[in-house]
Every structure is written in C-alpha cells, then in structure tokens.
C-alpha cells in the first residue's frame, strides 16, 4: 500500500495529539531529560494544532485510517514533524518534508526553516538543511532543552557567496516606513551558512525577532518575524541590494 499525505481533519484532533505525545515520549528518551520532553509535549498542544489547521498548512499520513505521521508549514517555518517509531527509517519523514517544501514553493517562498531536535538533526542534514546555531530553552528544575536552528533554500542552486555576514552585528541607519517598530535602537546579530542568512534582532520597539535570508548575486531576500514590546506579532518579506561602502556592508531597500 502506497502511503500519501492528506490535509489534517479537525475531527482527528484527539488522535493527532495523542499520536504526537506518544511519539515524543518514545523517540526523545535518551536525547533529553524528562523536563525537556514535558516541554515538547506542552508546546504541541491541541489549541496550537487547531490554530495552525485554520491559518496554515497541516498534513497527516495514515495507514489503515490510523495517523502515523504529521507535519506543519507556518509561513517559512516547518514545525511539528513526527513519524511513528514503527515507521521511522522507511521514507515517511521524507514524504512529509517534500510535501511541506513543495507547498512553500507554491507559496513563492525561497527558503524554509525549522528548529531541529537533537533526535532529528541527522535526518535534516541528509535533506540539505543547513545549521546556523545551537539554541537552548530553560525548562523545569534547571534543565536545558537544546535544539538546532536550520534552514534550506528551495531551489537547486547551492552556490556560496562572496559576502560574509557570519557573527557580525548590524544596526539600522535609516528607516522611512510608517509605524516602524524596527528603529535606530534595534540591533541585529547575523549567522551565515553558504548563501543562507539567519539573524536575531531586538531593541527599540522589538522584544525579539528573527530573519532568514538568501543571498543571490547582489541582492538578499529576507523573511522576518518579530514580537513587539506589547506582544504584537509581525511577519513579512523584504528585498535589499547589498552595497559595500568604506568597507561597511549596507542593505539598500
């Protein structure tokens, strides 16, 4: 029987949630302490799944009408990718990821990004995802949850670039937009892997934000999302020309 992806049906929420919990509890043992496993489960709550099903792209794979895999695309972000332990190593994870990536291409995105668990890192490496940095989240009892911030460009061109933004810090010189939250007080910390760019930013009206970008010749496409000081969320896309003036890199939009 050939397995295929299908849209998540909201009536299956209990089954999907229980499937995710069982998969986390089985697959993450040995990689994470109990407190981190609990955090993963709390993050994959029913309310979040249903919200994503309404506003984003959630898929499942079934065998004999039983859920054995799932994944979600939320703008550029791939999340909540799980495969039943009994079906791991049989290509089901690739099936899910290719569906999510193809959906991103149909949405005219040039890249996708994700948080990889320690358990899944080698899987994403084999699919061509590039790592930018190791992240961590403090959980109960002083324990830490470690993950990798990764991204993949969606065309077949894997060329590198002449520009080097790795571990550089940038600040805004000028921003002429209306109701701008990114201002002269906002600072950006960049990471780079070949032509892919990742940045974290904060300051001014921004509590925390992230940027993913792809350098192509003399331009860079940015996908950004941030949370402001009152909890409002903003996301979008920008395109800039890269210019070097007096040995300083500038983005001109």
Foldseek 3Di string as FASTA:
>chain_A
DDKAKDFDDLVCLVLVLVQLLVQLVPQCVVQFDPQVSVVVSVVPDSVVVVVQSVPFTKIFIDDPNHTAWIWTDDQQEIDDTTGHPVCPPPCPSVNRVVVNLVVNVVVVDFKHKYKAFPSCVVVVVVVPKDFWDKDWDQGPPRTIGITTIIMHTNDPDQAFDPDDLAQHKDADPDDDDPPDQRDRQKMWTWTDDGQKIKIWIDTRQFHIKIWIWGDDDQKIKIWMWTAGPVGDIDIDIDMFGWDADPNDIDTHD
